[in-house]
Amino acid sequence: MHPAIQAYLDDLTELGEAEAVRRFSEKIQKLSAEEQERVQQDAQRMQDVGNDPAFTRCAQLVQNAIMNDEEALAFQNYIMKAPACALMRTFMLLGQTAEEAQDE
């Protein structure tokens, strides 16, 4: 995933959507045309994976897993730190942000 997208996701969870979008836009404008294309390609790949029925089913299974609080926290900590879980972490953070926006 392009570093600009990673920074956007970090900003999204820490600073909120408006500030994250503002910072992301500033970063994108400073990139070369080639880098902007890479960002767009990475964003499209993320969208494609997010729309994949197998990924959706996997995410649903994770969401529906029965865990006590300690197990859920250990699982969340693993997802947030494991390099192999970067894509799942991205979608978890996006889902949390979407839920928070709906609650407001």
C-alpha atoms as a PDB file:
ATOM      1  CA  MET A   1       0.000   0.000   0.000  1.00  0.00           C
ATOM      2  CA  HIS A   2       1.323   3.426  -0.919  1.00  0.00           C
ATOM      3  CA  PRO A   3       2.685   5.432   2.058  1.00  0.00           C
ATOM      4  CA  ALA A   4       0.215   8.261   1.309  1.00  0.00           C
ATOM      5  CA  ILE A   5      -2.685   5.858   1.809  1.00  0.00           C
ATOM      6  CA  GLN A   6      -1.139   4.482   4.989  1.00  0.00           C
ATOM      7  CA  ALA A   7      -0.739   8.007   6.337  1.00  0.00           C
ATOM      8  CA  TYR A   8      -4.336   8.804   5.365  1.00  0.00           C
ATOM      9  CA  LEU A   9      -5.627   5.785   7.282  1.00  0.00           C
ATOM     10  CA  ASP A  10      -3.577   6.712  10.330  1.00  0.00           C
ATOM     11  CA  ASP A  11      -4.877  10.286  10.155  1.00  0.00           C
ATOM     12  CA  LEU A  12      -8.428   9.024   9.650  1.00  0.00           C
ATOM     13  CA  THR A  13      -8.407   7.101  12.906  1.00  0.00           C
ATOM     14  CA  GLU A  14      -6.479   9.714  14.875  1.00  0.00           C
ATOM     15  CA  LEU A  15      -7.699  13.057  13.492  1.00  0.00           C
ATOM     16  CA  GLY A  16     -11.057  12.362  11.867  1.00  0.00           C
ATOM     17  CA  GLU A  17     -12.238  12.359   8.283  1.00  0.00           C
ATOM     18  CA  ALA A  18     -12.090  16.079   7.501  1.00  0.00           C
ATOM     19  CA  GLU A  19      -8.485  16.532   8.628  1.00  0.00           C
ATOM     20  CA  ALA A  20      -7.407  13.223   7.075  1.00  0.00           C
ATOM     21  CA  VAL A  21      -8.871  14.209   3.698  1.00  0.00           C
ATOM     22  CA  ARG A  22      -7.235  17.635   3.892  1.00  0.00           C
ATOM     23  CA  ARG A  23      -3.808  16.180   4.652  1.00  0.00           C
ATOM     24  CA  PHE A  24      -4.195  13.447   2.035  1.00  0.00           C
ATOM     25  CA  SER A  25      -5.100  16.004  -0.630  1.00  0.00           C
ATOM     26  CA  GLU A  26      -2.051  18.102   0.238  1.00  0.00           C
ATOM     27  CA  LYS A  27       0.232  15.058   0.019  1.00  0.00           C
ATOM     28  CA  ILE A  28      -1.223  13.904  -3.288  1.00  0.00           C
ATOM     29  CA  GLN A  29      -0.797  17.332  -4.881  1.00  0.00           C
ATOM     30  CA  LYS A  30       2.914  17.247  -4.067  1.00  0.00           C
ATOM     31  CA  LEU A  31       3.457  13.851  -5.727  1.00  0.00           C
ATOM     32  CA  SER A  32       4.612  13.303  -9.272  1.00  0.00           C
ATOM     33  CA  ALA A  33       2.093  12.072 -11.829  1.00  0.00           C
ATOM     34  CA  GLU A  34       3.627   8.592 -11.589  1.00  0.00           C
ATOM     35  CA  GLU A  35       3.253   8.515  -7.814  1.00  0.00           C
ATOM     36  CA  GLN A  36      -0.314   9.778  -8.044  1.00  0.00           C
ATOM     37  CA  GLU A  37      -1.028   6.890 -10.421  1.00  0.00           C
ATOM     38  CA  ARG A  38       0.475   4.431  -7.902  1.00  0.00           C
ATOM     39  CA  VAL A  39      -1.788   5.838  -5.185  1.00  0.00           C
ATOM     40  CA  GLN A  40      -4.810   5.432  -7.425  1.00  0.00           C
ATOM     41  CA  GLN A  41      -3.835   1.863  -8.346  1.00  0.00           C
ATOM     42  CA  ASP A  42      -3.370   0.909  -4.686  1.00  0.00           C
ATOM     43  CA  ALA A  43      -6.714   2.460  -3.773  1.00  0.00           C
ATOM     44  CA  GLN A  44      -8.391   0.509  -6.581  1.00  0.00           C
ATOM     45  CA  ARG A  45      -6.785  -2.740  -5.405  1.00  0.00           C
ATOM     46  CA  MET A  46      -8.068  -2.087  -1.884  1.00  0.00           C
ATOM     47  CA  GLN A  47     -11.551  -1.479  -3.228  1.00  0.00           C
ATOM     48  CA  ASP A  48     -11.398  -4.651  -5.341  1.00  0.00           C
ATOM     49  CA  VAL A  49     -10.354  -6.752  -2.346  1.00  0.00           C
ATOM     50  CA  GLY A  50     -13.017  -5.151  -0.180  1.00  0.00           C
ATOM     51  CA  ASN A  51     -15.654  -6.116  -2.731  1.00  0.00           C
ATOM     52  CA  ASP A  52     -14.411  -9.703  -3.093  1.00  0.00           C
ATOM     53  CA  PRO A  53     -17.041 -12.127  -1.715  1.00  0.00           C
ATOM     54  CA  ALA A  54     -14.356 -14.331  -0.132  1.00  0.00           C
ATOM     55  CA  PHE A  55     -12.873 -11.370   1.737  1.00  0.00           C
ATOM     56  CA  THR A  56     -16.338 -10.234   2.796  1.00  0.00           C
ATOM     57  CA  ARG A  57     -17.124 -13.712   4.131  1.00  0.00           C
ATOM     58  CA  CYS A  58     -13.826 -13.849   6.012  1.00  0.00           C
ATOM     59  CA  ALA A  59     -14.439 -10.433   7.556  1.00  0.00           C
ATOM     60  CA  GLN A  60     -17.961 -11.544   8.559  1.00  0.00           C
ATOM     61  CA  LEU A  61     -16.575 -14.671  10.222  1.00  0.00           C
ATOM     62  CA  VAL A  62     -14.082 -12.564  12.162  1.00  0.00           C
ATOM     63  CA  GLN A  63     -16.823 -10.143  13.163  1.00  0.00           C
ATOM     64  CA  ASN A  64     -19.094 -12.956  14.318  1.00  0.00           C
ATOM     65  CA  ALA A  65     -16.390 -14.888  16.171  1.00  0.00           C
ATOM     66  CA  ILE A  66     -17.274 -15.582  19.759  1.00  0.00           C
ATOM     67  CA  MET A  67     -14.449 -14.374  21.949  1.00  0.00           C
ATOM     68  CA  ASN A  68     -14.260 -13.225  25.510  1.00  0.00           C
ATOM     69  CA  ASP A  69     -12.903  -9.722  26.094  1.00  0.00           C
ATOM     70  CA  GLU A  70      -9.349 -10.941  26.692  1.00  0.00           C
ATOM     71  CA  GLU A  71      -9.301 -13.020  23.496  1.00  0.00           C
ATOM     72  CA  ALA A  72     -10.793 -10.159  21.468  1.00  0.00           C
ATOM     73  CA  LEU A  73      -8.157  -7.755  22.766  1.00  0.00           C
ATOM     74  CA  ALA A  74      -5.346 -10.210  22.001  1.00  0.00           C
ATOM     75  CA  PHE A  75      -6.745 -10.719  18.490  1.00  0.00           C
ATOM     76  CA  GLN A  76      -7.060  -6.985  17.891  1.00  0.00           C
ATOM     77  CA  ASN A  77      -3.505  -6.404  19.129  1.00  0.00           C
ATOM     78  CA  TYR A  78      -2.235  -9.102  16.776  1.00  0.00           C
ATOM     79  CA  ILE A  79      -4.084  -7.625  13.784  1.00  0.00           C
ATOM     80  CA  MET A  80      -2.815  -4.123  14.593  1.00  0.00           C
ATOM     81  CA  LYS A  81       0.842  -5.218  14.776  1.00  0.00           C
ATOM     82  CA  ALA A  82       1.336  -8.092  12.351  1.00  0.00           C
ATOM     83  CA  PRO A  83       2.761  -6.970   8.999  1.00  0.00           C
ATOM     84  CA  ALA A  84       0.872  -9.781   7.252  1.00  0.00           C
ATOM     85  CA  CYS A  85      -2.403  -8.313   8.494  1.00  0.00           C
ATOM     86  CA  ALA A  86      -1.977  -4.866   6.939  1.00  0.00           C
ATOM     87  CA  LEU A  87      -4.965  -5.186   4.625  1.00  0.00           C
ATOM     88  CA  MET A  88      -7.263  -6.577   7.325  1.00  0.00           C
ATOM     89  CA  ARG A  89      -6.088  -3.803   9.650  1.00  0.00           C
ATOM     90  CA  THR A  90      -6.906  -1.217   7.003  1.00  0.00           C
ATOM     91  CA  PHE A  91     -10.430  -2.496   6.567  1.00  0.00           C
ATOM     92  CA  MET A  92     -10.947  -2.787  10.336  1.00  0.00           C
ATOM     93  CA  LEU A  93      -9.908   0.825  10.814  1.00  0.00           C
ATOM     94  CA  LEU A  94     -12.096   1.968   7.940  1.00  0.00           C
ATOM     95  CA  GLY A  95     -15.026   0.041   9.391  1.00  0.00           C
ATOM     96  CA  GLN A  96     -14.509   1.576  12.822  1.00  0.00           C
ATOM     97  CA  THR A  97     -14.342   5.047  11.318  1.00  0.00           C
ATOM     98  CA  ALA A  98     -17.535   4.452   9.343  1.00  0.00           C
ATOM     99  CA  GLU A  99     -19.340   3.221  12.451  1.00  0.00           C
ATOM    100  CA  GLU A 100     -18.198   6.245  14.450  1.00  0.00           C
ATOM    101  CA  ALA A 101     -19.396   8.575  11.693  1.00  0.00           C
ATOM    102  CA  GLN A 102     -22.820   6.920  11.723  1.00  0.00           C
ATOM    103  CA  ASP A 103     -23.063   7.309  15.506  1.00  0.00           C
ATOM    104  CA  GLU A 104     -22.494  11.060  15.281  1.00  0.00           C
END
